[in-house]
Amino acid sequence: MNVEMNEQIKVKPTGYLLFKRIADIVLTILASPFIILLVAIFAVIVKIDSKGPAFYTQMRIGKNQKEFRIYKLRSMRIDAESDTGAVWAEKDDPRVTKVGRFIRKVRIDELPQFLNVLIGDMSIIGPRPERADLTWQFEKEIPGFVNRLSVRPGITGWAQVNGGYDISPAEKLEFDNIYISNLSLKQDLIIACKTVGVIFTGQAAR
């Protein structure tokens, strides 16, 4: 990896960003019947498996430090952070339910975020958005962490297909800096292919 973690990454204006936004909208609309069906099926399974709502919403920080509400299928217990507050995900996270572990492994928990893509808060591919408290905490500990906010956050990304849920914030920033500095259709297609591999093999996901 040849991009320094604290290096300021600037996104050059490019026609690809417009193409990427149009592609996000078109692909989301085309895939919406399949997405809605899967979300409906697993929402019922999540509801049956553990106490609490099927869906989970949370405020996250997106492009240009804009806060927005993200949507997910619930994969953790409803009291997951009642004693600890916001904490970083870890390998074999004890807060994750049995069904939650499966839907996280195959990324089904992320499907409701296609609504965020249509709204414009997210892209299909990009750095994962974090909570405000964790974002500002990591920025103090790792100068340059907010560099990740120079593009729309994504449902999947370079850090997710190479590292998974439980890589460190510093590792995530390094992966995301590489993604942003090499923003291109080729790179997005590689991430899309790797994401399919993660879904079917469970590698790089916990």
C-alpha atoms as a PDB file:
ATOM      1  CA  MET A   1       0.000   0.000   0.000  1.00  0.00           C
ATOM      2  CA  ASN A   2       1.654   3.179  -1.144  1.00  0.00           C
ATOM      3  CA  VAL A   3      -0.665   5.873   0.225  1.00  0.00           C
ATOM      4  CA  GLU A   4       0.188   7.375   3.593  1.00  0.00           C
ATOM      5  CA  MET A   5      -2.654   7.149   6.116  1.00  0.00           C
ATOM      6  CA  ASN A   6      -2.575  10.839   7.006  1.00  0.00           C
ATOM      7  CA  GLU A   7      -2.046  12.096   3.454  1.00  0.00           C
ATOM      8  CA  GLN A   8      -4.708  14.572   2.310  1.00  0.00           C
ATOM      9  CA  ILE A   9      -6.560  12.950  -0.579  1.00  0.00           C
ATOM     10  CA  LYS A  10      -8.252  15.315  -3.017  1.00  0.00           C
ATOM     11  CA  VAL A  11     -10.835  14.104  -5.499  1.00  0.00           C
ATOM     12  CA  LYS A  12     -10.350  15.747  -8.869  1.00  0.00           C
ATOM     13  CA  PRO A  13     -13.553  16.816 -10.672  1.00  0.00           C
ATOM     14  CA  THR A  14     -14.218  14.161 -13.265  1.00  0.00           C
ATOM     15  CA  GLY A  15     -16.995  12.950 -15.520  1.00  0.00           C
ATOM     16  CA  TYR A  16     -16.691   9.571 -13.866  1.00  0.00           C
ATOM     17  CA  LEU A  17     -18.331  10.880 -10.703  1.00  0.00           C
ATOM     18  CA  LEU A  18     -21.423  11.846 -12.715  1.00  0.00           C
ATOM     19  CA  PHE A  19     -21.368   8.477 -14.496  1.00  0.00           C
ATOM     20  CA  LYS A  20     -21.024   6.740 -11.125  1.00  0.00           C
ATOM     21  CA  ARG A  21     -24.068   8.567  -9.734  1.00  0.00           C
ATOM     22  CA  ILE A  22     -26.199   7.721 -12.780  1.00  0.00           C
ATOM     23  CA  ALA A  23     -25.050   4.085 -12.640  1.00  0.00           C
ATOM     24  CA  ASP A  24     -25.961   3.931  -8.927  1.00  0.00           C
ATOM     25  CA  ILE A  25     -29.514   5.067  -9.651  1.00  0.00           C
ATOM     26  CA  VAL A  26     -30.045   2.838 -12.703  1.00  0.00           C
ATOM     27  CA  LEU A  27     -28.598  -0.301 -11.073  1.00  0.00           C
ATOM     28  CA  THR A  28     -30.588   0.262  -7.879  1.00  0.00           C
ATOM     29  CA  ILE A  29     -33.864   0.662  -9.788  1.00  0.00           C
ATOM     30  CA  LEU A  30     -33.190  -2.433 -11.913  1.00  0.00           C
ATOM     31  CA  ALA A  31     -32.299  -4.539  -8.873  1.00  0.00           C
ATOM     32  CA  SER A  32     -35.076  -3.190  -6.621  1.00  0.00           C
ATOM     33  CA  PRO A  33     -37.574  -6.087  -7.077  1.00  0.00           C
ATOM     34  CA  PHE A  34     -34.927  -8.629  -6.022  1.00  0.00           C
ATOM     35  CA  ILE A  35     -33.670  -6.400  -3.197  1.00  0.00           C
ATOM     36  CA  ILE A  36     -37.187  -5.806  -1.832  1.00  0.00           C
ATOM     37  CA  LEU A  37     -37.930  -9.547  -1.878  1.00  0.00           C
ATOM     38  CA  LEU A  38     -34.733 -10.462  -0.033  1.00  0.00           C
ATOM     39  CA  VAL A  39     -35.172  -7.693   2.520  1.00  0.00           C
ATOM     40  CA  ALA A  40     -38.781  -8.755   3.189  1.00  0.00           C
ATOM     41  CA  ILE A  41     -37.815 -12.410   3.686  1.00  0.00           C
ATOM     42  CA  PHE A  42     -34.913 -11.685   6.012  1.00  0.00           C
ATOM     43  CA  ALA A  43     -36.816  -9.015   7.917  1.00  0.00           C
ATOM     44  CA  VAL A  44     -39.250 -11.755   8.975  1.00  0.00           C
ATOM     45  CA  ILE A  45     -36.365 -14.103   9.881  1.00  0.00           C
ATOM     46  CA  VAL A  46     -34.619 -11.415  11.951  1.00  0.00           C
ATOM     47  CA  LYS A  47     -37.865 -10.635  13.760  1.00  0.00           C
ATOM     48  CA  ILE A  48     -38.450 -14.315  14.588  1.00  0.00           C
ATOM     49  CA  ASP A  49     -34.848 -14.942  15.661  1.00  0.00           C
ATOM     50  CA  SER A  50     -34.464 -12.284  18.328  1.00  0.00           C
ATOM     51  CA  LYS A  51     -36.343  -9.667  20.296  1.00  0.00           C
ATOM     52  CA  GLY A  52     -36.541  -6.243  18.688  1.00  0.00           C
ATOM     53  CA  PRO A  53     -37.331  -4.572  15.366  1.00  0.00           C
ATOM     54  CA  ALA A  54     -36.251  -6.121  12.060  1.00  0.00           C
ATOM     55  CA  PHE A  55     -34.642  -2.892  10.877  1.00  0.00           C
ATOM     56  CA  TYR A  56     -31.984  -0.728  12.434  1.00  0.00           C
ATOM     57  CA  THR A  57     -31.340   2.932  11.706  1.00  0.00           C
ATOM     58  CA  GLN A  58     -28.430   5.055  12.807  1.00  0.00           C
ATOM     59  CA  MET A  59     -26.951   8.460  12.039  1.00  0.00           C
ATOM     60  CA  ARG A  60     -23.701   8.297  10.072  1.00  0.00           C
ATOM     61  CA  ILE A  61     -21.260  10.820   8.592  1.00  0.00           C
ATOM     62  CA  GLY A  62     -21.113  10.997   4.800  1.00  0.00           C
ATOM     63  CA  LYS A  63     -19.587  13.068   2.034  1.00  0.00           C
ATOM     64  CA  ASN A  64     -18.301  16.483   3.148  1.00  0.00           C
ATOM     65  CA  GLN A  65     -19.084  15.539   6.777  1.00  0.00           C
ATOM     66  CA  LYS A  66     -22.845  15.615   6.166  1.00  0.00           C
ATOM     67  CA  GLU A  67     -24.806  13.551   8.670  1.00  0.00           C
ATOM     68  CA  PHE A  68     -27.489  11.190   7.358  1.00  0.00           C
ATOM     69  CA  ARG A  69     -29.613   8.258   8.532  1.00  0.00           C
ATOM     70  CA  ILE A  70     -28.493   4.813   7.390  1.00  0.00           C
ATOM     71  CA  TYR A  71     -30.809   1.790   7.109  1.00  0.00           C
ATOM     72  CA  LYS A  72     -29.869  -1.822   7.857  1.00  0.00           C
ATOM     73  CA  LEU A  73     -31.404  -5.147   8.789  1.00  0.00           C
ATOM     74  CA  ARG A  74     -30.697  -5.585  12.498  1.00  0.00           C
ATOM     75  CA  SER A  75     -27.807  -7.986  13.116  1.00  0.00           C
ATOM     76  CA  MET A  76     -27.131  -7.266  16.807  1.00  0.00           C
ATOM     77  CA  ARG A  77     -29.056  -7.560  20.047  1.00  0.00           C
ATOM     78  CA  ILE A  78     -31.191  -4.508  20.795  1.00  0.00           C
ATOM     79  CA  ASP A  79     -29.145  -3.923  23.987  1.00  0.00           C
ATOM     80  CA  ALA A  80     -25.803  -4.371  22.178  1.00  0.00           C
ATOM     81  CA  GLU A  81     -24.318  -1.059  23.325  1.00  0.00           C
ATOM     82  CA  SER A  82     -26.407  -0.258  26.382  1.00  0.00           C
ATOM     83  CA  ASP A  83     -23.424  -0.671  28.710  1.00  0.00           C
ATOM     84  CA  THR A  84     -20.526   0.271  26.441  1.00  0.00           C
ATOM     85  CA  GLY A  85     -21.793   2.994  24.103  1.00  0.00           C
ATOM     86  CA  ALA A  86     -20.384   3.142  20.585  1.00  0.00           C
ATOM     87  CA  VAL A  87     -17.589   0.604  20.092  1.00  0.00           C
ATOM     88  CA  TRP A  88     -15.661  -0.736  17.092  1.00  0.00           C
ATOM     89  CA  ALA A  89     -16.829  -4.080  15.633  1.00  0.00           C
ATOM     90  CA  GLU A  90     -14.585  -7.023  16.464  1.00  0.00           C
ATOM     91  CA  LYS A  91     -14.028 -10.582  15.260  1.00  0.00           C
ATOM     92  CA  ASP A  92     -16.674 -12.989  16.623  1.00  0.00           C
ATOM     93  CA  ASP A  93     -18.479  -9.981  18.091  1.00  0.00           C
ATOM     94  CA  PRO A  94     -20.640 -11.276  20.981  1.00  0.00           C
ATOM     95  CA  ARG A  95     -23.268  -8.607  20.301  1.00  0.00           C
ATOM     96  CA  VAL A  96     -24.213 -10.223  16.987  1.00  0.00           C
ATOM     97  CA  THR A  97     -27.232 -12.553  16.895  1.00  0.00           C
ATOM     98  CA  LYS A  98     -27.178 -15.990  15.243  1.00  0.00           C
ATOM     99  CA  VAL A  99     -29.107 -14.783  12.190  1.00  0.00           C
ATOM    100  CA  GLY A 100     -27.172 -11.523  12.337  1.00  0.00           C
ATOM    101  CA  ARG A 101     -23.894 -13.382  11.920  1.00  0.00           C
ATOM    102  CA  PHE A 102     -25.188 -14.983   8.721  1.00  0.00           C
ATOM    103  CA  ILE A 103     -26.646 -11.837   7.162  1.00  0.00           C
ATOM    104  CA  ARG A 104     -23.451  -9.921   7.953  1.00  0.00           C
ATOM    105  CA  LYS A 105     -21.369 -12.716   6.415  1.00  0.00           C
ATOM    106  CA  VAL A 106     -23.249 -12.522   3.106  1.00  0.00           C
ATOM    107  CA  ARG A 107     -23.900  -8.754   3.382  1.00  0.00           C
ATOM    108  CA  ILE A 108     -27.694  -9.054   3.318  1.00  0.00           C
ATOM    109  CA  ASP A 109     -27.905  -6.695   6.308  1.00  0.00           C
ATOM    110  CA  GLU A 110     -26.658  -3.898   4.034  1.00  0.00           C
ATOM    111  CA  LEU A 111     -29.409  -4.241   1.384  1.00  0.00           C
ATOM    112  CA  PRO A 112     -31.759  -1.568   2.862  1.00  0.00           C
ATOM    113  CA  GLN A 113     -28.990   0.957   2.154  1.00  0.00           C
ATOM    114  CA  PHE A 114     -29.950   0.919  -1.513  1.00  0.00           C
ATOM    115  CA  LEU A 115     -32.597   3.386  -0.298  1.00  0.00           C
ATOM    116  CA  ASN A 116     -29.701   5.607   0.840  1.00  0.00           C
ATOM    117  CA  VAL A 117     -28.218   5.238  -2.641  1.00  0.00           C
ATOM    118  CA  LEU A 118     -31.429   6.462  -4.293  1.00  0.00           C
ATOM    119  CA  ILE A 119     -31.659   9.385  -1.862  1.00  0.00           C
ATOM    120  CA  GLY A 120     -28.088  10.361  -2.748  1.00  0.00           C
ATOM    121  CA  ASP A 121     -26.435   9.959   0.655  1.00  0.00           C
ATOM    122  CA  MET A 122     -24.512   6.892  -0.484  1.00  0.00           C
ATOM    123  CA  SER A 123     -23.065   5.151  -3.504  1.00  0.00           C
ATOM    124  CA  ILE A 124     -23.049   1.413  -4.171  1.00  0.00           C
ATOM    125  CA  ILE A 125     -19.248   1.471  -3.896  1.00  0.00           C
ATOM    126  CA  GLY A 126     -17.219   3.724  -1.607  1.00  0.00           C
ATOM    127  CA  PRO A 127     -15.786   4.019   1.918  1.00  0.00           C
ATOM    128  CA  ARG A 128     -18.110   2.761   4.634  1.00  0.00           C
ATOM    129  CA  PRO A 129     -19.719   5.600   6.650  1.00  0.00           C
ATOM    130  CA  GLU A 130     -19.061   5.720  10.392  1.00  0.00           C
ATOM    131  CA  ARG A 131     -20.927   7.204  13.320  1.00  0.00           C
ATOM    132  CA  ALA A 132     -20.149  10.796  14.239  1.00  0.00           C
ATOM    133  CA  ASP A 133     -18.707   9.998  17.678  1.00  0.00           C
ATOM    134  CA  LEU A 134     -16.375   7.337  16.272  1.00  0.00           C
ATOM    135  CA  THR A 135     -15.425   9.522  13.295  1.00  0.00           C
ATOM    136  CA  TRP A 136     -14.285  12.422  15.472  1.00  0.00           C
ATOM    137  CA  GLN A 137     -12.600  10.086  17.951  1.00  0.00           C
ATOM    138  CA  PHE A 138     -10.601   8.440  15.172  1.00  0.00           C
ATOM    139  CA  GLU A 139      -9.749  11.801  13.620  1.00  0.00           C
ATOM    140  CA  LYS A 140      -8.067  12.778  16.907  1.00  0.00           C
ATOM    141  CA  GLU A 141      -6.196   9.471  17.086  1.00  0.00           C
ATOM    142  CA  ILE A 142      -5.464   9.153  13.351  1.00  0.00           C
ATOM    143  CA  PRO A 143      -5.066  12.580  11.700  1.00  0.00           C
ATOM    144  CA  GLY A 144      -6.581  12.441   8.234  1.00  0.00           C
ATOM    145  CA  PHE A 145      -9.350   9.956   9.067  1.00  0.00           C
ATOM    146  CA  VAL A 146     -11.930  12.412   7.693  1.00  0.00           C
ATOM    147  CA  ASN A 147     -10.206  12.174   4.291  1.00  0.00           C
ATOM    148  CA  ARG A 148     -12.588   9.264   3.763  1.00  0.00           C
ATOM    149  CA  LEU A 149     -15.440  11.800   3.624  1.00  0.00           C
ATOM    150  CA  SER A 150     -14.331  13.369   0.334  1.00  0.00           C
ATOM    151  CA  VAL A 151     -16.554  10.991  -1.688  1.00  0.00           C
ATOM    152  CA  ARG A 152     -19.975   9.421  -1.143  1.00  0.00           C
ATOM    153  CA  PRO A 153     -19.764   6.481   1.271  1.00  0.00           C
ATOM    154  CA  GLY A 154     -20.639   3.067  -0.134  1.00  0.00           C
ATOM    155  CA  ILE A 155     -22.503  -0.145   0.642  1.00  0.00           C
ATOM    156  CA  THR A 156     -19.326  -2.021  -0.226  1.00  0.00           C
ATOM    157  CA  GLY A 157     -15.778  -0.801  -0.721  1.00  0.00           C
ATOM    158  CA  TRP A 158     -12.080  -1.567  -1.040  1.00  0.00           C
ATOM    159  CA  ALA A 159     -11.650  -1.879   2.735  1.00  0.00           C
ATOM    160  CA  GLN A 160     -14.625  -4.238   3.080  1.00  0.00           C
ATOM    161  CA  VAL A 161     -13.576  -6.697   0.367  1.00  0.00           C
ATOM    162  CA  ASN A 162      -9.965  -6.767   1.558  1.00  0.00           C
ATOM    163  CA  GLY A 163     -10.338  -6.498   5.303  1.00  0.00           C
ATOM    164  CA  GLY A 164     -13.859  -7.061   6.581  1.00  0.00           C
ATOM    165  CA  TYR A 165     -15.833  -5.661   9.508  1.00  0.00           C
ATOM    166  CA  ASP A 166     -13.138  -5.895  12.149  1.00  0.00           C
ATOM    167  CA  ILE A 167     -10.044  -4.279  10.624  1.00  0.00           C
ATOM    168  CA  SER A 168      -8.617  -1.357  12.592  1.00  0.00           C
ATOM    169  CA  PRO A 169      -9.581   2.259  11.816  1.00  0.00           C
ATOM    170  CA  ALA A 170      -6.015   2.910  10.614  1.00  0.00           C
ATOM    171  CA  GLU A 171      -6.179  -0.042   8.197  1.00  0.00           C
ATOM    172  CA  LYS A 172      -9.589   1.080   6.981  1.00  0.00           C
ATOM    173  CA  LEU A 173      -8.267   4.587   6.306  1.00  0.00           C
ATOM    174  CA  GLU A 174      -5.330   3.214   4.353  1.00  0.00           C
ATOM    175  CA  PHE A 175      -7.588   1.092   2.159  1.00  0.00           C
ATOM    176  CA  ASP A 176      -9.983   4.011   1.638  1.00  0.00           C
ATOM    177  CA  ASN A 177      -7.177   6.402   0.730  1.00  0.00           C
ATOM    178  CA  ILE A 178      -6.050   3.960  -1.924  1.00  0.00           C
ATOM    179  CA  TYR A 179      -9.609   3.746  -3.273  1.00  0.00           C
ATOM    180  CA  ILE A 180     -10.094   7.512  -3.419  1.00  0.00           C
ATOM    181  CA  SER A 181      -6.714   8.204  -5.001  1.00  0.00           C
ATOM    182  CA  ASN A 182      -7.404   5.616  -7.724  1.00  0.00           C
ATOM    183  CA  LEU A 183     -11.075   6.371  -8.327  1.00  0.00           C
ATOM    184  CA  SER A 184     -12.073   4.742 -11.639  1.00  0.00           C
ATOM    185  CA  LEU A 185     -14.542   2.418 -13.339  1.00  0.00           C
ATOM    186  CA  LYS A 186     -11.912  -0.332 -13.414  1.00  0.00           C
ATOM    187  CA  GLN A 187     -11.422  -0.153  -9.660  1.00  0.00           C
ATOM    188  CA  ASP A 188     -15.172  -0.165  -8.989  1.00  0.00           C
ATOM    189  CA  LEU A 189     -15.625  -3.225 -11.208  1.00  0.00           C
ATOM    190  CA  ILE A 190     -12.864  -5.015  -9.304  1.00  0.00           C
ATOM    191  CA  ILE A 191     -14.587  -4.199  -6.003  1.00  0.00           C
ATOM    192  CA  ALA A 192     -17.943  -5.377  -7.386  1.00  0.00           C
ATOM    193  CA  CYS A 193     -16.403  -8.715  -8.434  1.00  0.00           C
ATOM    194  CA  LYS A 194     -14.650  -9.106  -5.078  1.00  0.00           C
ATOM    195  CA  THR A 195     -17.922  -8.338  -3.294  1.00  0.00           C
ATOM    196  CA  VAL A 196     -19.629 -11.182  -5.141  1.00  0.00           C
ATOM    197  CA  GLY A 197     -16.776 -13.415  -3.994  1.00  0.00           C
ATOM    198  CA  VAL A 198     -17.244 -12.295  -0.384  1.00  0.00           C
ATOM    199  CA  ILE A 199     -20.983 -13.010  -0.578  1.00  0.00           C
ATOM    200  CA  PHE A 200     -20.459 -16.573  -1.811  1.00  0.00           C
ATOM    201  CA  THR A 201     -17.388 -17.463   0.265  1.00  0.00           C
ATOM    202  CA  GLY A 202     -17.778 -15.335   3.377  1.00  0.00           C
ATOM    203  CA  GLN A 203     -14.127 -14.338   3.191  1.00  0.00           C
ATOM    204  CA  ALA A 204     -13.184 -10.859   4.472  1.00  0.00           C
ATOM    205  CA  ALA A 205     -16.438 -10.722   6.450  1.00  0.00           C
ATOM    206  CA  ARG A 206     -17.188 -11.582  10.068  1.00  0.00           C
END
